[in-house]
PDB file of N, CA and C in Angstrom:
ATOM      1  N   UNK A   1      30.163   2.807-173.075  1.00  0.00           N
ATOM      2  CA  UNK A   1      29.645   3.081-174.403  1.00  0.00           C
ATOM      3  C   UNK A   1      28.180   3.518-174.269  1.00  0.00           C
ATOM      4  N   UNK A   2      27.833   4.611-174.912  1.00  0.00           N
ATOM      5  CA  UNK A   2      26.473   5.133-174.820  1.00  0.00           C
ATOM      6  C   UNK A   2      25.516   4.336-175.706  1.00  0.00           C
ATOM      7  N   UNK A   3      24.231   4.515-175.451  1.00  0.00           N
ATOM      8  CA  UNK A   3      23.237   3.826-176.273  1.00  0.00           C
ATOM      9  C   UNK A   3      23.305   4.312-177.726  1.00  0.00           C
ATOM     10  N   UNK A   4      23.609   5.588-177.918  1.00  0.00           N
ATOM     11  CA  UNK A   4      23.723   6.110-179.287  1.00  0.00           C
ATOM     12  C   UNK A   4      24.915   5.476-180.019  1.00  0.00           C
ATOM     13  N   UNK A   5      26.010   5.293-179.302  1.00  0.00           N
ATOM     14  CA  UNK A   5      27.169   4.635-179.911  1.00  0.00           C
ATOM     15  C   UNK A   5      26.855   3.184-180.248  1.00  0.00           C
ATOM     16  N   UNK A   6      26.117   2.509-179.375  1.00  0.00           N
ATOM     17  CA  UNK A   6      25.734   1.121-179.660  1.00  0.00           C
ATOM     18  C   UNK A   6      24.719   1.042-180.792  1.00  0.00           C
ATOM     19  N   UNK A   7      23.839   2.028-180.897  1.00  0.00           N
ATOM     20  CA  UNK A   7      22.919   2.054-182.038  1.00  0.00           C
ATOM     21  C   UNK A   7      23.711   2.138-183.341  1.00  0.00           C
ATOM     22  N   UNK A   8      24.692   3.022-183.369  1.00  0.00           N
ATOM     23  CA  UNK A   8      25.518   3.168-184.573  1.00  0.00           C
ATOM     24  C   UNK A   8      26.314   1.899-184.842  1.00  0.00           C
ATOM     25  N   UNK A   9      26.836   1.308-183.804  1.00  0.00           N
ATOM     26  CA  UNK A   9      27.655   0.105-183.958  1.00  0.00           C
ATOM     27  C   UNK A   9      26.827  -1.074-184.459  1.00  0.00           C
ATOM     28  N   UNK A  10      25.611  -1.240-183.925  1.00  0.00           N
ATOM     29  CA  UNK A  10      24.764  -2.350-184.370  1.00  0.00           C
ATOM     30  C   UNK A  10      24.254  -2.103-185.788  1.00  0.00           C
ATOM     31  N   UNK A  11      24.050  -0.840-186.149  1.00  0.00           N
ATOM     32  CA  UNK A  11      23.646  -0.522-187.517  1.00  0.00           C
ATOM     33  C   UNK A  11      24.781  -0.854-188.490  1.00  0.00           C
ATOM     34  N   UNK A  12      26.001  -0.490-188.114  1.00  0.00           N
ATOM     35  CA  UNK A  12      27.162  -0.809-188.949  1.00  0.00           C
ATOM     36  C   UNK A  12      27.313  -2.323-189.084  1.00  0.00           C
ATOM     37  N   UNK A  13      27.093  -3.056-187.995  1.00  0.00           N
ATOM     38  CA  UNK A  13      27.142  -4.515-188.015  1.00  0.00           C
ATOM     39  C   UNK A  13      26.149  -5.042-189.053  1.00  0.00           C
ATOM     40  N   UNK A  14      24.931  -4.501-189.042  1.00  0.00           N
ATOM     41  CA  UNK A  14      23.908  -4.917-190.006  1.00  0.00           C
ATOM     42  C   UNK A  14      24.356  -4.655-191.437  1.00  0.00           C
ATOM     43  N   UNK A  15      24.939  -3.500-191.670  1.00  0.00           N
ATOM     44  CA  UNK A  15      25.386  -3.151-193.019  1.00  0.00           C
ATOM     45  C   UNK A  15      26.518  -4.050-193.507  1.00  0.00           C
ATOM     46  N   UNK A  16      27.431  -4.411-192.610  1.00  0.00           N
ATOM     47  CA  UNK A  16      28.525  -5.314-192.984  1.00  0.00           C
ATOM     48  C   UNK A  16      27.967  -6.704-193.304  1.00  0.00           C
ATOM     49  N   UNK A  17      26.978  -7.134-192.528  1.00  0.00           N
ATOM     50  CA  UNK A  17      26.337  -8.425-192.809  1.00  0.00           C
ATOM     51  C   UNK A  17      25.691  -8.393-194.197  1.00  0.00           C
ATOM     52  N   UNK A  18      24.982  -7.323-194.505  1.00  0.00           N
ATOM     53  CA  UNK A  18      24.330  -7.200-195.811  1.00  0.00           C
ATOM     54  C   UNK A  18      25.372  -7.230-196.928  1.00  0.00           C
ATOM     55  N   UNK A  19      26.450  -6.476-196.770  1.00  0.00           N
ATOM     56  CA  UNK A  19      27.512  -6.464-197.782  1.00  0.00           C
ATOM     57  C   UNK A  19      28.097  -7.861-197.988  1.00  0.00           C
ATOM     58  N   UNK A  20      28.260  -8.587-196.908  1.00  0.00           N
ATOM     59  CA  UNK A  20      28.817  -9.938-196.978  1.00  0.00           C
ATOM     60  C   UNK A  20      27.874 -10.881-197.710  1.00  0.00           C
ATOM     61  N   UNK A  21      26.599 -10.790-197.399  1.00  0.00           N
ATOM     62  CA  UNK A  21      25.600 -11.664-198.017  1.00  0.00           C
ATOM     63  C   UNK A  21      25.550 -11.460-199.531  1.00  0.00           C
ATOM     64  N   UNK A  22      25.779 -10.246-199.968  1.00  0.00           N
ATOM     65  CA  UNK A  22      25.759  -9.955-201.405  1.00  0.00           C
ATOM     66  C   UNK A  22      26.838 -10.737-202.155  1.00  0.00           C
ATOM     67  N   UNK A  23      27.843 -11.207-201.438  1.00  0.00           N
ATOM     68  CA  UNK A  23      28.950 -11.942-202.063  1.00  0.00           C
ATOM     69  C   UNK A  23      28.751 -13.459-202.039  1.00  0.00           C
ATOM     70  N   UNK A  24      27.679 -13.911-201.430  1.00  0.00           N
ATOM     71  CA  UNK A  24      27.438 -15.354-201.374  1.00  0.00           C
ATOM     72  C   UNK A  24      27.053 -15.889-202.744  1.00  0.00           C
ATOM     73  N   UNK A  25      27.379 -17.152-202.997  1.00  0.00           N
ATOM     74  CA  UNK A  25      27.029 -17.733-204.294  1.00  0.00           C
ATOM     75  C   UNK A  25      25.511 -17.845-204.453  1.00  0.00           C
ATOM     76  N   UNK A  26      25.065 -17.718-205.686  1.00  0.00           N
ATOM     77  CA  UNK A  26      23.634 -17.812-205.981  1.00  0.00           C
ATOM     78  C   UNK A  26      23.257 -19.283-206.182  1.00  0.00           C
ATOM     79  N   UNK A  27      23.351 -20.026-205.087  1.00  0.00           N
ATOM     80  CA  UNK A  27      22.988 -21.447-205.082  1.00  0.00           C
ATOM     81  C   UNK A  27      21.843 -21.623-204.094  1.00  0.00           C
ATOM     82  N   UNK A  28      21.266 -22.804-204.063  1.00  0.00           N
ATOM     83  CA  UNK A  28      20.177 -23.057-203.123  1.00  0.00           C
ATOM     84  C   UNK A  28      20.650 -22.814-201.690  1.00  0.00           C
ATOM     85  N   UNK A  29      21.795 -23.380-201.340  1.00  0.00           N
ATOM     86  CA  UNK A  29      22.295 -23.196-199.970  1.00  0.00           C
ATOM     87  C   UNK A  29      22.751 -21.760-199.731  1.00  0.00           C
ATOM     88  N   UNK A  30      23.353 -21.141-200.731  1.00  0.00           N
ATOM     89  CA  UNK A  30      23.792 -19.753-200.597  1.00  0.00           C
ATOM     90  C   UNK A  30      22.626 -18.819-200.325  1.00  0.00           C
ATOM     91  N   UNK A  31      21.529 -19.014-201.050  1.00  0.00           N
ATOM     92  CA  UNK A  31      20.344 -18.179-200.843  1.00  0.00           C
ATOM     93  C   UNK A  31      19.711 -18.449-199.482  1.00  0.00           C
ATOM     94  N   UNK A  32      19.675 -19.706-199.078  1.00  0.00           N
ATOM     95  CA  UNK A  32      19.072 -20.047-197.783  1.00  0.00           C
ATOM     96  C   UNK A  32      19.862 -19.414-196.633  1.00  0.00           C
ATOM     97  N   UNK A  33      21.179 -19.543-196.693  1.00  0.00           N
ATOM     98  CA  UNK A  33      22.022 -18.952-195.656  1.00  0.00           C
ATOM     99  C   UNK A  33      21.922 -17.429-195.705  1.00  0.00           C
ATOM    100  N   UNK A  34      21.906 -16.880-196.905  1.00  0.00           N
ATOM    101  CA  UNK A  34      21.791 -15.423-197.059  1.00  0.00           C
ATOM    102  C   UNK A  34      20.527 -14.912-196.379  1.00  0.00           C
ATOM    103  N   UNK A  35      19.413 -15.588-196.614  1.00  0.00           N
ATOM    104  CA  UNK A  35      18.154 -15.171-195.985  1.00  0.00           C
ATOM    105  C   UNK A  35      18.245 -15.222-194.466  1.00  0.00           C
ATOM    106  N   UNK A  36      18.827 -16.285-193.944  1.00  0.00           N
ATOM    107  CA  UNK A  36      18.925 -16.445-192.494  1.00  0.00           C
ATOM    108  C   UNK A  36      19.834 -15.393-191.862  1.00  0.00           C
ATOM    109  N   UNK A  37      21.004 -15.218-192.453  1.00  0.00           N
ATOM    110  CA  UNK A  37      21.987 -14.312-191.839  1.00  0.00           C
ATOM    111  C   UNK A  37      21.572 -12.847-191.985  1.00  0.00           C
ATOM    112  N   UNK A  38      20.921 -12.508-193.089  1.00  0.00           N
ATOM    113  CA  UNK A  38      20.436 -11.137-193.233  1.00  0.00           C
ATOM    114  C   UNK A  38      19.349 -10.867-192.197  1.00  0.00           C
ATOM    115  N   UNK A  39      18.474 -11.825-191.993  1.00  0.00           N
ATOM    116  CA  UNK A  39      17.404 -11.642-191.018  1.00  0.00           C
ATOM    117  C   UNK A  39      17.965 -11.464-189.616  1.00  0.00           C
ATOM    118  N   UNK A  40      18.845 -12.375-189.202  1.00  0.00           N
ATOM    119  CA  UNK A  40      19.373 -12.289-187.832  1.00  0.00           C
ATOM    120  C   UNK A  40      20.350 -11.128-187.670  1.00  0.00           C
ATOM    121  N   UNK A  41      21.187 -10.902-188.675  1.00  0.00           N
ATOM    122  CA  UNK A  41      22.198  -9.842-188.572  1.00  0.00           C
ATOM    123  C   UNK A  41      21.614  -8.447-188.513  1.00  0.00           C
ATOM    124  N   UNK A  42      20.563  -8.208-189.305  1.00  0.00           N
ATOM    125  CA  UNK A  42      19.935  -6.889-189.270  1.00  0.00           C
ATOM    126  C   UNK A  42      19.010  -6.749-188.064  1.00  0.00           C
ATOM    127  N   UNK A  43      18.547  -7.862-187.557  1.00  0.00           N
ATOM    128  CA  UNK A  43      17.683  -7.843-186.371  1.00  0.00           C
ATOM    129  C   UNK A  43      18.422  -7.358-185.129  1.00  0.00           C
ATOM    130  N   UNK A  44      19.726  -7.553-185.093  1.00  0.00           N
ATOM    131  CA  UNK A  44      20.525  -7.091-183.950  1.00  0.00           C
ATOM    132  C   UNK A  44      20.333  -5.583-183.762  1.00  0.00           C
ATOM    133  N   UNK A  45      20.527  -4.831-184.822  1.00  0.00           N
ATOM    134  CA  UNK A  45      20.386  -3.378-184.738  1.00  0.00           C
ATOM    135  C   UNK A  45      18.950  -2.941-184.510  1.00  0.00           C
ATOM    136  N   UNK A  46      18.034  -3.561-185.234  1.00  0.00           N
ATOM    137  CA  UNK A  46      16.621  -3.182-185.104  1.00  0.00           C
ATOM    138  C   UNK A  46      16.111  -3.449-183.690  1.00  0.00           C
ATOM    139  N   UNK A  47      16.468  -4.601-183.151  1.00  0.00           N
ATOM    140  CA  UNK A  47      16.003  -4.928-181.805  1.00  0.00           C
ATOM    141  C   UNK A  47      16.731  -4.128-180.723  1.00  0.00           C
ATOM    142  N   UNK A  48      17.978  -3.755-180.992  1.00  0.00           N
ATOM    143  CA  UNK A  48      18.664  -2.907-180.010  1.00  0.00           C
ATOM    144  C   UNK A  48      17.957  -1.555-179.893  1.00  0.00           C
ATOM    145  N   UNK A  49      17.466  -1.043-181.001  1.00  0.00           N
ATOM    146  CA  UNK A  49      16.713   0.216-180.948  1.00  0.00           C
ATOM    147  C   UNK A  49      15.475   0.053-180.065  1.00  0.00           C
ATOM    148  N   UNK A  50      14.838  -1.131-180.132  1.00  0.00           N
ATOM    149  CA  UNK A  50      13.683  -1.404-179.271  1.00  0.00           C
ATOM    150  C   UNK A  50      14.104  -1.447-177.803  1.00  0.00           C
ATOM    151  N   UNK A  51      15.287  -1.991-177.541  1.00  0.00           N
ATOM    152  CA  UNK A  51      15.819  -2.014-176.166  1.00  0.00           C
ATOM    153  C   UNK A  51      15.877  -0.598-175.611  1.00  0.00           C
ATOM    154  N   UNK A  52      16.308   0.323-176.429  1.00  0.00           N
ATOM    155  CA  UNK A  52      16.470   1.720-175.992  1.00  0.00           C
ATOM    156  C   UNK A  52      15.136   2.380-175.669  1.00  0.00           C
ATOM    157  N   UNK A  53      14.045   1.790-176.111  1.00  0.00           N
ATOM    158  CA  UNK A  53      12.716   2.327-175.828  1.00  0.00           C
ATOM    159  C   UNK A  53      11.996   1.549-174.736  1.00  0.00           C
ATOM    160  N   UNK A  54      12.692   0.655-174.074  1.00  0.00           N
ATOM    161  CA  UNK A  54      12.067  -0.169-173.031  1.00  0.00           C
ATOM    162  C   UNK A  54      11.475   0.720-171.943  1.00  0.00           C
ATOM    163  N   UNK A  55      10.301   0.321-171.447  1.00  0.00           N
ATOM    164  CA  UNK A  55       9.590   1.113-170.444  1.00  0.00           C
ATOM    165  C   UNK A  55       9.896   0.699-169.016  1.00  0.00           C
ATOM    166  N   UNK A  56      10.603  -0.423-168.877  1.00  0.00           N
ATOM    167  CA  UNK A  56      10.957  -0.879-167.531  1.00  0.00           C
ATOM    168  C   UNK A  56      12.243  -1.691-167.608  1.00  0.00           C
ATOM    169  N   UNK A  57      12.842  -1.927-166.453  1.00  0.00           N
ATOM    170  CA  UNK A  57      14.057  -2.748-166.416  1.00  0.00           C
ATOM    171  C   UNK A  57      13.773  -4.166-166.901  1.00  0.00           C
ATOM    172  N   UNK A  58      12.629  -4.707-166.535  1.00  0.00           N
ATOM    173  CA  UNK A  58      12.291  -6.071-166.961  1.00  0.00           C
ATOM    174  C   UNK A  58      12.080  -6.142-168.479  1.00  0.00           C
ATOM    175  N   UNK A  59      11.440  -5.132-169.032  1.00  0.00           N
ATOM    176  CA  UNK A  59      11.258  -5.087-170.487  1.00  0.00           C
ATOM    177  C   UNK A  59      12.609  -4.928-171.175  1.00  0.00           C
ATOM    178  N   UNK A  60      13.479  -4.111-170.585  1.00  0.00           N
ATOM    179  CA  UNK A  60      14.838  -3.926-171.108  1.00  0.00           C
ATOM    180  C   UNK A  60      15.549  -5.269-171.193  1.00  0.00           C
ATOM    181  N   UNK A  61      15.512  -6.041-170.115  1.00  0.00           N
ATOM    182  CA  UNK A  61      16.180  -7.341-170.073  1.00  0.00           C
ATOM    183  C   UNK A  61      15.580  -8.286-171.113  1.00  0.00           C
ATOM    184  N   UNK A  62      14.270  -8.291-171.209  1.00  0.00           N
ATOM    185  CA  UNK A  62      13.603  -9.164-172.172  1.00  0.00           C
ATOM    186  C   UNK A  62      13.999  -8.820-173.611  1.00  0.00           C
ATOM    187  N   UNK A  63      13.975  -7.547-173.932  1.00  0.00           N
ATOM    188  CA  UNK A  63      14.331  -7.124-175.287  1.00  0.00           C
ATOM    189  C   UNK A  63      15.815  -7.344-175.572  1.00  0.00           C
ATOM    190  N   UNK A  64      16.647  -7.107-174.562  1.00  0.00           N
ATOM    191  CA  UNK A  64      18.081  -7.316-174.746  1.00  0.00           C
ATOM    192  C   UNK A  64      18.378  -8.798-174.969  1.00  0.00           C
ATOM    193  N   UNK A  65      17.603  -9.671-174.346  1.00  0.00           N
ATOM    194  CA  UNK A  65      17.782 -11.107-174.553  1.00  0.00           C
ATOM    195  C   UNK A  65      17.533 -11.482-176.012  1.00  0.00           C
ATOM    196  N   UNK A  66      16.593 -10.816-176.646  1.00  0.00           N
ATOM    197  CA  UNK A  66      16.326 -11.056-178.067  1.00  0.00           C
ATOM    198  C   UNK A  66      17.525 -10.608-178.904  1.00  0.00           C
ATOM    199  N   UNK A  67      18.094  -9.457-178.555  1.00  0.00           N
ATOM    200  CA  UNK A  67      19.266  -8.966-179.281  1.00  0.00           C
ATOM    201  C   UNK A  67      20.405  -9.983-179.180  1.00  0.00           C
ATOM    202  N   UNK A  68      20.622 -10.511-177.993  1.00  0.00           N
ATOM    203  CA  UNK A  68      21.689 -11.495-177.782  1.00  0.00           C
ATOM    204  C   UNK A  68      21.429 -12.753-178.619  1.00  0.00           C
ATOM    205  N   UNK A  69      20.192 -13.220-178.626  1.00  0.00           N
ATOM    206  CA  UNK A  69      19.846 -14.407-179.418  1.00  0.00           C
ATOM    207  C   UNK A  69      20.095 -14.181-180.909  1.00  0.00           C
ATOM    208  N   UNK A  70      19.711 -13.028-181.408  1.00  0.00           N
ATOM    209  CA  UNK A  70      19.890 -12.739-182.827  1.00  0.00           C
ATOM    210  C   UNK A  70      21.377 -12.622-183.184  1.00  0.00           C
ATOM    211  N   UNK A  71      22.142 -11.983-182.315  1.00  0.00           N
ATOM    212  CA  UNK A  71      23.588 -11.875-182.554  1.00  0.00           C
ATOM    213  C   UNK A  71      24.225 -13.259-182.545  1.00  0.00           C
ATOM    214  N   UNK A  72      23.812 -14.099-181.615  1.00  0.00           N
ATOM    215  CA  UNK A  72      24.357 -15.451-181.539  1.00  0.00           C
ATOM    216  C   UNK A  72      23.972 -16.267-182.774  1.00  0.00           C
ATOM    217  N   UNK A  73      22.746 -16.109-183.245  1.00  0.00           N
ATOM    218  CA  UNK A  73      22.342 -16.817-184.460  1.00  0.00           C
ATOM    219  C   UNK A  73      23.191 -16.359-185.649  1.00  0.00           C
ATOM    220  N   UNK A  74      23.461 -15.068-185.718  1.00  0.00           N
ATOM    221  CA  UNK A  74      24.306 -14.554-186.793  1.00  0.00           C
ATOM    222  C   UNK A  74      25.681 -15.216-186.750  1.00  0.00           C
ATOM    223  N   UNK A  75      26.222 -15.354-185.548  1.00  0.00           N
ATOM    224  CA  UNK A  75      27.525 -16.013-185.416  1.00  0.00           C
ATOM    225  C   UNK A  75      27.468 -17.474-185.840  1.00  0.00           C
ATOM    226  N   UNK A  76      26.353 -18.130-185.587  1.00  0.00           N
ATOM    227  CA  UNK A  76      26.189 -19.514-186.060  1.00  0.00           C
ATOM    228  C   UNK A  76      26.328 -19.573-187.580  1.00  0.00           C
ATOM    229  N   UNK A  77      25.630 -18.669-188.277  1.00  0.00           N
ATOM    230  CA  UNK A  77      25.691 -18.668-189.737  1.00  0.00           C
ATOM    231  C   UNK A  77      27.076 -18.289-190.241  1.00  0.00           C
ATOM    232  N   UNK A  78      27.758 -17.417-189.515  1.00  0.00           N
ATOM    233  CA  UNK A  78      29.140 -17.074-189.879  1.00  0.00           C
ATOM    234  C   UNK A  78      30.028 -18.315-189.765  1.00  0.00           C
ATOM    235  N   UNK A  79      29.823 -19.095-188.705  1.00  0.00           N
ATOM    236  CA  UNK A  79      30.584 -20.344-188.551  1.00  0.00           C
ATOM    237  C   UNK A  79      30.347 -21.272-189.741  1.00  0.00           C
ATOM    238  N   UNK A  80      29.097 -21.373-190.160  1.00  0.00           N
ATOM    239  CA  UNK A  80      28.771 -22.231-191.307  1.00  0.00           C
ATOM    240  C   UNK A  80      29.513 -21.741-192.551  1.00  0.00           C
ATOM    241  N   UNK A  81      29.480 -20.430-192.787  1.00  0.00           N
ATOM    242  CA  UNK A  81      30.166 -19.873-193.953  1.00  0.00           C
ATOM    243  C   UNK A  81      31.673 -20.073-193.866  1.00  0.00           C
ATOM    244  N   UNK A  82      32.233 -19.950-192.661  1.00  0.00           N
ATOM    245  CA  UNK A  82      33.674 -20.175-192.491  1.00  0.00           C
ATOM    246  C   UNK A  82      34.038 -21.612-192.835  1.00  0.00           C
ATOM    247  N   UNK A  83      33.221 -22.543-192.370  1.00  0.00           N
ATOM    248  CA  UNK A  83      33.514 -23.962-192.624  1.00  0.00           C
ATOM    249  C   UNK A  83      33.292 -24.340-194.083  1.00  0.00           C
ATOM    250  N   UNK A  84      32.338 -23.697-194.737  1.00  0.00           N
ATOM    251  CA  UNK A  84      32.075 -23.976-196.156  1.00  0.00           C
ATOM    252  C   UNK A  84      33.080 -23.272-197.070  1.00  0.00           C
ATOM    253  N   UNK A  85      33.798 -22.298-196.535  1.00  0.00           N
ATOM    254  CA  UNK A  85      34.819 -21.554-197.292  1.00  0.00           C
ATOM    255  C   UNK A  85      34.273 -20.983-198.606  1.00  0.00           C
ATOM    256  N   UNK A  86      33.085 -20.426-198.531  1.00  0.00           N
ATOM    257  CA  UNK A  86      32.489 -19.886-199.752  1.00  0.00           C
ATOM    258  C   UNK A  86      32.592 -18.365-199.836  1.00  0.00           C
ATOM    259  N   UNK A  87      33.304 -17.770-198.887  1.00  0.00           N
ATOM    260  CA  UNK A  87      33.477 -16.319-198.891  1.00  0.00           C
ATOM    261  C   UNK A  87      34.781 -15.989-198.176  1.00  0.00           C
ATOM    262  N   UNK A  88      35.331 -14.829-198.441  1.00  0.00           N
ATOM    263  CA  UNK A  88      36.611 -14.398-197.888  1.00  0.00           C
ATOM    264  C   UNK A  88      36.631 -14.480-196.359  1.00  0.00           C
ATOM    265  N   UNK A  89      37.615 -15.160-195.838  1.00  0.00           N
ATOM    266  CA  UNK A  89      37.751 -15.354-194.393  1.00  0.00           C
ATOM    267  C   UNK A  89      37.908 -14.032-193.648  1.00  0.00           C
ATOM    268  N   UNK A  90      38.624 -13.076-194.227  1.00  0.00           N
ATOM    269  CA  UNK A  90      38.877 -11.798-193.551  1.00  0.00           C
ATOM    270  C   UNK A  90      37.576 -11.078-193.234  1.00  0.00           C
ATOM    271  N   UNK A  91      36.687 -11.036-194.197  1.00  0.00           N
ATOM    272  CA  UNK A  91      35.408 -10.358-193.976  1.00  0.00           C
ATOM    273  C   UNK A  91      34.563 -11.116-192.956  1.00  0.00           C
ATOM    274  N   UNK A  92      34.559 -12.432-193.041  1.00  0.00           N
ATOM    275  CA  UNK A  92      33.804 -13.226-192.065  1.00  0.00           C
ATOM    276  C   UNK A  92      34.376 -13.038-190.665  1.00  0.00           C
ATOM    277  N   UNK A  93      35.694 -12.986-190.582  1.00  0.00           N
ATOM    278  CA  UNK A  93      36.343 -12.809-189.285  1.00  0.00           C
ATOM    279  C   UNK A  93      35.988 -11.453-188.676  1.00  0.00           C
ATOM    280  N   UNK A  94      35.854 -10.434-189.506  1.00  0.00           N
ATOM    281  CA  UNK A  94      35.456  -9.108-189.031  1.00  0.00           C
ATOM    282  C   UNK A  94      34.068  -9.176-188.377  1.00  0.00           C
ATOM    283  N   UNK A  95      33.134  -9.840-189.038  1.00  0.00           N
ATOM    284  CA  UNK A  95      31.782  -9.988-188.484  1.00  0.00           C
ATOM    285  C   UNK A  95      31.834 -10.829-187.212  1.00  0.00           C
ATOM    286  N   UNK A  96      32.614 -11.899-187.255  1.00  0.00           N
ATOM    287  CA  UNK A  96      32.744 -12.791-186.095  1.00  0.00           C
ATOM    288  C   UNK A  96      33.230 -12.027-184.862  1.00  0.00           C
ATOM    289  N   UNK A  97      34.296 -11.245-185.039  1.00  0.00           N
ATOM    290  CA  UNK A  97      34.865 -10.488-183.924  1.00  0.00           C
ATOM    291  C   UNK A  97      33.872  -9.452-183.398  1.00  0.00           C
ATOM    292  N   UNK A  98      33.272  -8.700-184.294  1.00  0.00           N
ATOM    293  CA  UNK A  98      32.324  -7.664-183.878  1.00  0.00           C
ATOM    294  C   UNK A  98      31.102  -8.285-183.211  1.00  0.00           C
ATOM    295  N   UNK A  99      30.609  -9.375-183.751  1.00  0.00           N
ATOM    296  CA  UNK A  99      29.462 -10.063-183.143  1.00  0.00           C
ATOM    297  C   UNK A  99      29.771 -10.529-181.736  1.00  0.00           C
ATOM    298  N   UNK A 100      30.941 -11.105-181.543  1.00  0.00           N
ATOM    299  CA  UNK A 100      31.330 -11.550-180.207  1.00  0.00           C
ATOM    300  C   UNK A 100      31.494 -10.386-179.238  1.00  0.00           C
ATOM    301  N   UNK A 101      32.060  -9.281-179.717  1.00  0.00           N
ATOM    302  CA  UNK A 101      32.205  -8.104-178.858  1.00  0.00           C
ATOM    303  C   UNK A 101      30.838  -7.546-178.466  1.00  0.00           C
ATOM    304  N   UNK A 102      29.925  -7.474-179.419  1.00  0.00           N
ATOM    305  CA  UNK A 102      28.583  -6.985-179.117  1.00  0.00           C
ATOM    306  C   UNK A 102      27.879  -7.895-178.114  1.00  0.00           C
ATOM    307  N   UNK A 103      27.983  -9.197-178.319  1.00  0.00           N
ATOM    308  CA  UNK A 103      27.358 -10.134-177.378  1.00  0.00           C
ATOM    309  C   UNK A 103      27.929  -9.937-175.984  1.00  0.00           C
ATOM    310  N   UNK A 104      29.239  -9.786-175.873  1.00  0.00           N
ATOM    311  CA  UNK A 104      29.866  -9.583-174.561  1.00  0.00           C
ATOM    312  C   UNK A 104      29.326  -8.318-173.893  1.00  0.00           C
ATOM    313  N   UNK A 105      29.184  -7.247-174.660  1.00  0.00           N
ATOM    314  CA  UNK A 105      28.639  -5.992-174.110  1.00  0.00           C
ATOM    315  C   UNK A 105      27.201  -6.202-173.645  1.00  0.00           C
ATOM    316  N   UNK A 106      26.397  -6.849-174.473  1.00  0.00           N
ATOM    317  CA  UNK A 106      24.983  -7.037-174.145  1.00  0.00           C
ATOM    318  C   UNK A 106      24.789  -7.966-172.955  1.00  0.00           C
ATOM    319  N   UNK A 107      25.555  -9.047-172.902  1.00  0.00           N
ATOM    320  CA  UNK A 107      25.451  -9.986-171.773  1.00  0.00           C
ATOM    321  C   UNK A 107      25.869  -9.288-170.482  1.00  0.00           C
ATOM    322  N   UNK A 108      26.925  -8.525-170.538  1.00  0.00           N
ATOM    323  CA  UNK A 108      27.381  -7.791-169.363  1.00  0.00           C
ATOM    324  C   UNK A 108      26.310  -6.798-168.893  1.00  0.00           C
ATOM    325  N   UNK A 109      25.688  -6.139-169.832  1.00  0.00           N
ATOM    326  CA  UNK A 109      24.626  -5.182-169.506  1.00  0.00           C
ATOM    327  C   UNK A 109      23.452  -5.876-168.837  1.00  0.00           C
ATOM    328  N   UNK A 110      23.049  -7.021-169.368  1.00  0.00           N
ATOM    329  CA  UNK A 110      21.931  -7.774-168.780  1.00  0.00           C
ATOM    330  C   UNK A 110      22.288  -8.240-167.370  1.00  0.00           C
ATOM    331  N   UNK A 111      23.499  -8.728-167.191  1.00  0.00           N
ATOM    332  CA  UNK A 111      23.920  -9.178-165.856  1.00  0.00           C
ATOM    333  C   UNK A 111      23.887  -8.025-164.861  1.00  0.00           C
ATOM    334  N   UNK A 112      24.359  -6.868-165.274  1.00  0.00           N
ATOM    335  CA  UNK A 112      24.342  -5.697-164.390  1.00  0.00           C
ATOM    336  C   UNK A 112      22.917  -5.298-164.033  1.00  0.00           C
ATOM    337  N   UNK A 113      22.046  -5.311-165.026  1.00  0.00           N
ATOM    338  CA  UNK A 113      20.647  -4.939-164.799  1.00  0.00           C
ATOM    339  C   UNK A 113      19.971  -5.938-163.868  1.00  0.00           C
ATOM    340  N   UNK A 114      20.219  -7.230-164.075  1.00  0.00           N
ATOM    341  CA  UNK A 114      19.629  -8.253-163.198  1.00  0.00           C
ATOM    342  C   UNK A 114      20.148  -8.095-161.781  1.00  0.00           C
ATOM    343  N   UNK A 115      21.414  -7.808-161.633  1.00  0.00           N
ATOM    344  CA  UNK A 115      22.008  -7.621-160.317  1.00  0.00           C
ATOM    345  C   UNK A 115      21.350  -6.424-159.616  1.00  0.00           C
ATOM    346  N   UNK A 116      21.170  -5.367-160.365  1.00  0.00           N
ATOM    347  CA  UNK A 116      20.525  -4.173-159.811  1.00  0.00           C
ATOM    348  C   UNK A 116      19.099  -4.457-159.398  1.00  0.00           C
ATOM    349  N   UNK A 117      18.402  -5.239-160.198  1.00  0.00           N
ATOM    350  CA  UNK A 117      17.010  -5.591-159.870  1.00  0.00           C
ATOM    351  C   UNK A 117      16.932  -6.461-158.606  1.00  0.00           C
ATOM    352  N   UNK A 118      17.878  -7.374-158.475  1.00  0.00           N
ATOM    353  CA  UNK A 118      17.882  -8.266-157.315  1.00  0.00           C
ATOM    354  C   UNK A 118      18.185  -7.537-156.022  1.00  0.00           C
ATOM    355  N   UNK A 119      18.889  -6.425-156.111  1.00  0.00           N
ATOM    356  CA  UNK A 119      19.221  -5.630-154.913  1.00  0.00           C
ATOM    357  C   UNK A 119      18.066  -4.744-154.480  1.00  0.00           C
ATOM    358  N   UNK A 120      17.114  -4.502-155.394  1.00  0.00           N
ATOM    359  CA  UNK A 120      15.998  -3.618-155.058  1.00  0.00           C
ATOM    360  C   UNK A 120      14.940  -4.306-154.236  1.00  0.00           C
TER     361      UNK A 120
END
């Protein structure tokens, strides 16, 4: 998968997160979770764009680690929403699956980069 394809994919992930948050109840907990998940979910795409501008392999790994952390945090909030049953499971499951796939791609990329660095 090219960096341009991943940019598009992470942007779409952000948009799906935003659409999902719009459906959360307007309660104290709903607003708190909405703020958290929008921040982490949209950060995945924004930070991936920064990864693409990395000036070195070490900077790439560092920035990619942030992307992984933000994606994982998003999945945490999705788990909370799934357990609270305050939004349609199908939509949450879509985000869950895509988030896990993105994390797998990013972790694999970091491992490959670290392996390459260790061989140099």
